[in-house]
Amino acid sequence: MASLQTKFEQAVVQSKQLPDKPDNMTLLKIYSLYKQASAGDVEGKRPGFTDMVGRAKWDAWSALKGKSTDEAMQDYIDLIESLK
């Protein structure tokens, strides 16, 4: 059986081949789960008002603070599976 890391890497590839482009909220969820799984808790300062996209990404990632790498990987895999 494939390891969680292998399944995560496969889901990352599959995320780029989804039949339909997900809505912005789903894209933020995909981004934040990927960042939490690959880099851990968010670091650095929150982007300013002029960087709305960066700010939204930072906020979405920050909301996952404390979630374990394995948990974030599994949630990412499940989300990508649900979008196929």
N, C-alpha and C. Protein backbone atom coordinates (compact mmCIF):
# COMPACT_ATOMS: atom_id res chain seq x y z
N MET A 1 0.83 -1.18 0.00
CA MET A 1 0.00 0.00 0.00
C MET A 1 0.89 1.26 0.00
N ALA A 2 0.48 2.23 -0.77
CA ALA A 2 1.28 3.44 -0.92
C ALA A 2 1.31 4.24 0.39
N SER A 3 2.44 4.87 0.64
CA SER A 3 2.57 5.68 1.84
C SER A 3 1.75 6.97 1.69
N LEU A 4 1.50 7.61 2.81
CA LEU A 4 0.75 8.87 2.80
C LEU A 4 1.47 9.92 1.95
N GLN A 5 2.80 9.97 2.04
CA GLN A 5 3.59 10.92 1.26
C GLN A 5 3.41 10.67 -0.24
N THR A 6 3.43 9.40 -0.64
CA THR A 6 3.25 9.05 -2.05
C THR A 6 1.86 9.43 -2.53
N LYS A 7 0.85 9.14 -1.72
CA LYS A 7 -0.52 9.50 -2.09
C LYS A 7 -0.67 11.01 -2.20
N PHE A 8 -0.01 11.73 -1.29
CA PHE A 8 -0.05 13.20 -1.31
C PHE A 8 0.57 13.72 -2.61
N GLU A 9 1.73 13.19 -2.97
CA GLU A 9 2.40 13.61 -4.21
C GLU A 9 1.54 13.31 -5.43
N GLN A 10 0.86 12.18 -5.43
CA GLN A 10 -0.04 11.84 -6.54
C GLN A 10 -1.21 12.82 -6.60
N ALA A 11 -1.74 13.19 -5.42
CA ALA A 11 -2.86 14.13 -5.37
C ALA A 11 -2.43 15.51 -5.88
N VAL A 12 -1.19 15.91 -5.61
CA VAL A 12 -0.68 17.19 -6.10
C VAL A 12 -0.69 17.19 -7.63
N VAL A 13 -0.23 16.10 -8.22
CA VAL A 13 -0.24 15.98 -9.69
C VAL A 13 -1.69 16.01 -10.20
N GLN A 14 -2.56 15.27 -9.54
CA GLN A 14 -3.97 15.21 -9.95
C GLN A 14 -4.67 16.55 -9.81
N SER A 15 -4.22 17.36 -8.85
CA SER A 15 -4.85 18.67 -8.64
C SER A 15 -4.69 19.58 -9.85
N LYS A 16 -3.65 19.33 -10.63
CA LYS A 16 -3.41 20.14 -11.83
C LYS A 16 -4.16 19.61 -13.04
N GLN A 17 -4.85 18.46 -12.87
CA GLN A 17 -5.56 17.84 -13.98
C GLN A 17 -7.05 17.68 -13.70
N LEU A 18 -7.59 18.50 -12.82
CA LEU A 18 -9.01 18.40 -12.49
C LEU A 18 -9.85 18.77 -13.70
N PRO A 19 -11.00 18.11 -13.86
CA PRO A 19 -11.84 18.39 -15.04
C PRO A 19 -12.38 19.82 -15.06
N ASP A 20 -12.71 20.38 -13.90
CA ASP A 20 -13.22 21.74 -13.82
C ASP A 20 -12.36 22.54 -12.84
N LYS A 21 -12.18 23.82 -13.13
CA LYS A 21 -11.43 24.67 -12.21
C LYS A 21 -12.31 24.92 -10.97
N PRO A 22 -11.77 24.62 -9.79
CA PRO A 22 -12.55 24.86 -8.57
C PRO A 22 -12.79 26.35 -8.33
N ASP A 23 -13.81 26.67 -7.53
CA ASP A 23 -14.08 28.07 -7.18
C ASP A 23 -12.96 28.59 -6.28
N ASN A 24 -12.94 29.89 -6.07
CA ASN A 24 -11.85 30.52 -5.33
C ASN A 24 -11.71 30.01 -3.90
N MET A 25 -12.82 29.76 -3.22
CA MET A 25 -12.75 29.27 -1.84
C MET A 25 -12.11 27.88 -1.80
N THR A 26 -12.45 27.05 -2.77
CA THR A 26 -11.86 25.71 -2.85
C THR A 26 -10.38 25.80 -3.19
N LEU A 27 -10.03 26.71 -4.09
CA LEU A 27 -8.62 26.91 -4.44
C LEU A 27 -7.82 27.35 -3.21
N LEU A 28 -8.40 28.21 -2.38
CA LEU A 28 -7.72 28.63 -1.15
C LEU A 28 -7.54 27.44 -0.21
N LYS A 29 -8.54 26.58 -0.13
CA LYS A 29 -8.46 25.39 0.73
C LYS A 29 -7.35 24.47 0.22
N ILE A 30 -7.29 24.25 -1.10
CA ILE A 30 -6.24 23.43 -1.69
C ILE A 30 -4.87 24.02 -1.36
N TYR A 31 -4.72 25.32 -1.58
CA TYR A 31 -3.45 26.01 -1.31
C TYR A 31 -3.05 25.86 0.15
N SER A 32 -3.98 26.16 1.06
CA SER A 32 -3.64 26.15 2.48
C SER A 32 -3.29 24.76 2.98
N LEU A 33 -4.01 23.75 2.52
CA LEU A 33 -3.70 22.37 2.92
C LEU A 33 -2.34 21.95 2.37
N TYR A 34 -2.05 22.34 1.13
CA TYR A 34 -0.74 22.01 0.55
C TYR A 34 0.38 22.65 1.36
N LYS A 35 0.23 23.94 1.67
CA LYS A 35 1.27 24.64 2.41
C LYS A 35 1.44 24.05 3.82
N GLN A 36 0.34 23.73 4.48
CA GLN A 36 0.42 23.16 5.83
C GLN A 36 1.09 21.80 5.78
N ALA A 37 0.78 21.00 4.75
CA ALA A 37 1.36 19.66 4.62
C ALA A 37 2.84 19.72 4.26
N SER A 38 3.22 20.70 3.45
CA SER A 38 4.61 20.73 2.97
C SER A 38 5.52 21.65 3.77
N ALA A 39 4.98 22.68 4.44
CA ALA A 39 5.83 23.63 5.14
C ALA A 39 5.49 23.81 6.62
N GLY A 40 4.38 23.24 7.07
CA GLY A 40 4.00 23.41 8.48
C GLY A 40 3.26 24.71 8.70
N ASP A 41 3.24 25.16 9.95
CA ASP A 41 2.51 26.37 10.31
C ASP A 41 3.04 27.60 9.57
N VAL A 42 2.12 28.51 9.27
CA VAL A 42 2.47 29.74 8.57
C VAL A 42 3.45 30.56 9.41
N GLU A 43 4.38 31.22 8.71
CA GLU A 43 5.35 32.09 9.38
C GLU A 43 5.36 33.43 8.66
N GLY A 44 5.93 34.40 9.31
CA GLY A 44 6.04 35.71 8.68
C GLY A 44 4.83 36.58 8.97
N LYS A 45 4.92 37.82 8.49
CA LYS A 45 3.86 38.79 8.72
C LYS A 45 2.75 38.64 7.70
N ARG A 46 1.55 38.98 8.12
CA ARG A 46 0.39 38.97 7.23
C ARG A 46 0.55 40.08 6.19
N PRO A 47 0.32 39.77 4.90
CA PRO A 47 0.43 40.80 3.86
C PRO A 47 -0.54 41.96 4.12
N GLY A 48 -0.18 43.12 3.61
CA GLY A 48 -0.99 44.32 3.81
C GLY A 48 -2.24 44.36 2.95
N PHE A 49 -3.03 45.42 3.15
CA PHE A 49 -4.30 45.59 2.45
C PHE A 49 -4.17 45.58 0.93
N THR A 50 -3.06 46.07 0.41
CA THR A 50 -2.91 46.18 -1.03
C THR A 50 -2.69 44.84 -1.71
N ASP A 51 -2.28 43.84 -0.94
CA ASP A 51 -2.05 42.50 -1.49
C ASP A 51 -3.19 41.58 -1.05
N MET A 52 -4.34 41.76 -1.70
CA MET A 52 -5.54 41.01 -1.29
C MET A 52 -5.40 39.50 -1.49
N VAL A 53 -4.78 39.10 -2.59
CA VAL A 53 -4.62 37.67 -2.86
C VAL A 53 -3.66 37.05 -1.84
N GLY A 54 -2.53 37.70 -1.62
CA GLY A 54 -1.56 37.21 -0.64
C GLY A 54 -2.16 37.15 0.75
N ARG A 55 -2.96 38.14 1.07
CA ARG A 55 -3.61 38.21 2.39
C ARG A 55 -4.60 37.05 2.56
N ALA A 56 -5.39 36.78 1.52
CA ALA A 56 -6.37 35.68 1.58
C ALA A 56 -5.65 34.34 1.72
N LYS A 57 -4.55 34.17 0.98
CA LYS A 57 -3.78 32.93 1.08
C LYS A 57 -3.19 32.77 2.48
N TRP A 58 -2.63 33.85 3.01
CA TRP A 58 -2.03 33.82 4.34
C TRP A 58 -3.09 33.48 5.39
N ASP A 59 -4.25 34.11 5.29
CA ASP A 59 -5.33 33.86 6.25
C ASP A 59 -5.80 32.41 6.19
N ALA A 60 -5.94 31.88 4.98
CA ALA A 60 -6.39 30.49 4.83
C ALA A 60 -5.37 29.52 5.43
N TRP A 61 -4.10 29.78 5.18
CA TRP A 61 -3.04 28.92 5.72
C TRP A 61 -2.97 29.08 7.23
N SER A 62 -3.08 30.30 7.72
CA SER A 62 -3.01 30.57 9.16
C SER A 62 -4.13 29.87 9.92
N ALA A 63 -5.28 29.70 9.27
CA ALA A 63 -6.43 29.04 9.92
C ALA A 63 -6.13 27.57 10.23
N LEU A 64 -5.12 27.01 9.58
CA LEU A 64 -4.77 25.60 9.78
C LEU A 64 -3.65 25.42 10.81
N LYS A 65 -3.25 26.49 11.46
CA LYS A 65 -2.15 26.45 12.43
C LYS A 65 -2.40 25.33 13.45
N GLY A 66 -1.39 24.51 13.66
CA GLY A 66 -1.48 23.42 14.63
C GLY A 66 -1.89 22.08 14.02
N LYS A 67 -2.40 22.09 12.78
CA LYS A 67 -2.77 20.84 12.11
C LYS A 67 -1.49 20.09 11.74
N SER A 68 -1.45 18.80 12.03
CA SER A 68 -0.24 18.02 11.75
C SER A 68 -0.03 17.85 10.25
N THR A 69 1.20 17.58 9.89
CA THR A 69 1.54 17.35 8.48
C THR A 69 0.73 16.20 7.91
N ASP A 70 0.66 15.08 8.65
CA ASP A 70 -0.09 13.92 8.15
C ASP A 70 -1.57 14.24 7.98
N GLU A 71 -2.13 14.96 8.93
CA GLU A 71 -3.55 15.32 8.86
C GLU A 71 -3.81 16.23 7.66
N ALA A 72 -2.92 17.20 7.44
CA ALA A 72 -3.06 18.11 6.30
C ALA A 72 -2.93 17.35 4.98
N MET A 73 -1.99 16.41 4.92
CA MET A 73 -1.83 15.59 3.71
C MET A 73 -3.10 14.80 3.42
N GLN A 74 -3.65 14.16 4.46
CA GLN A 74 -4.84 13.35 4.26
C GLN A 74 -6.03 14.22 3.85
N ASP A 75 -6.19 15.38 4.45
CA ASP A 75 -7.27 16.29 4.08
C ASP A 75 -7.10 16.76 2.63
N TYR A 76 -5.86 17.02 2.22
CA TYR A 76 -5.57 17.44 0.84
C TYR A 76 -5.97 16.32 -0.13
N ILE A 77 -5.55 15.11 0.18
CA ILE A 77 -5.87 13.95 -0.67
C ILE A 77 -7.38 13.80 -0.79
N ASP A 78 -8.08 13.87 0.34
CA ASP A 78 -9.54 13.71 0.34
C ASP A 78 -10.22 14.81 -0.48
N LEU A 79 -9.73 16.05 -0.35
CA LEU A 79 -10.32 17.16 -1.09
C LEU A 79 -10.13 16.97 -2.60
N ILE A 80 -8.94 16.62 -3.02
CA ILE A 80 -8.68 16.40 -4.45
C ILE A 80 -9.54 15.25 -4.98
N GLU A 81 -9.65 14.18 -4.21
CA GLU A 81 -10.51 13.05 -4.62
C GLU A 81 -11.96 13.51 -4.82
N SER A 82 -12.44 14.38 -3.93
CA SER A 82 -13.83 14.83 -4.02
C SER A 82 -14.07 15.73 -5.23
N LEU A 83 -13.01 16.30 -5.79
CA LEU A 83 -13.16 17.22 -6.92
C LEU A 83 -13.03 16.53 -8.28
N LYS A 84 -12.66 15.27 -8.27
CA LYS A 84 -12.48 14.56 -9.55
C LYS A 84 -13.81 14.26 -10.22
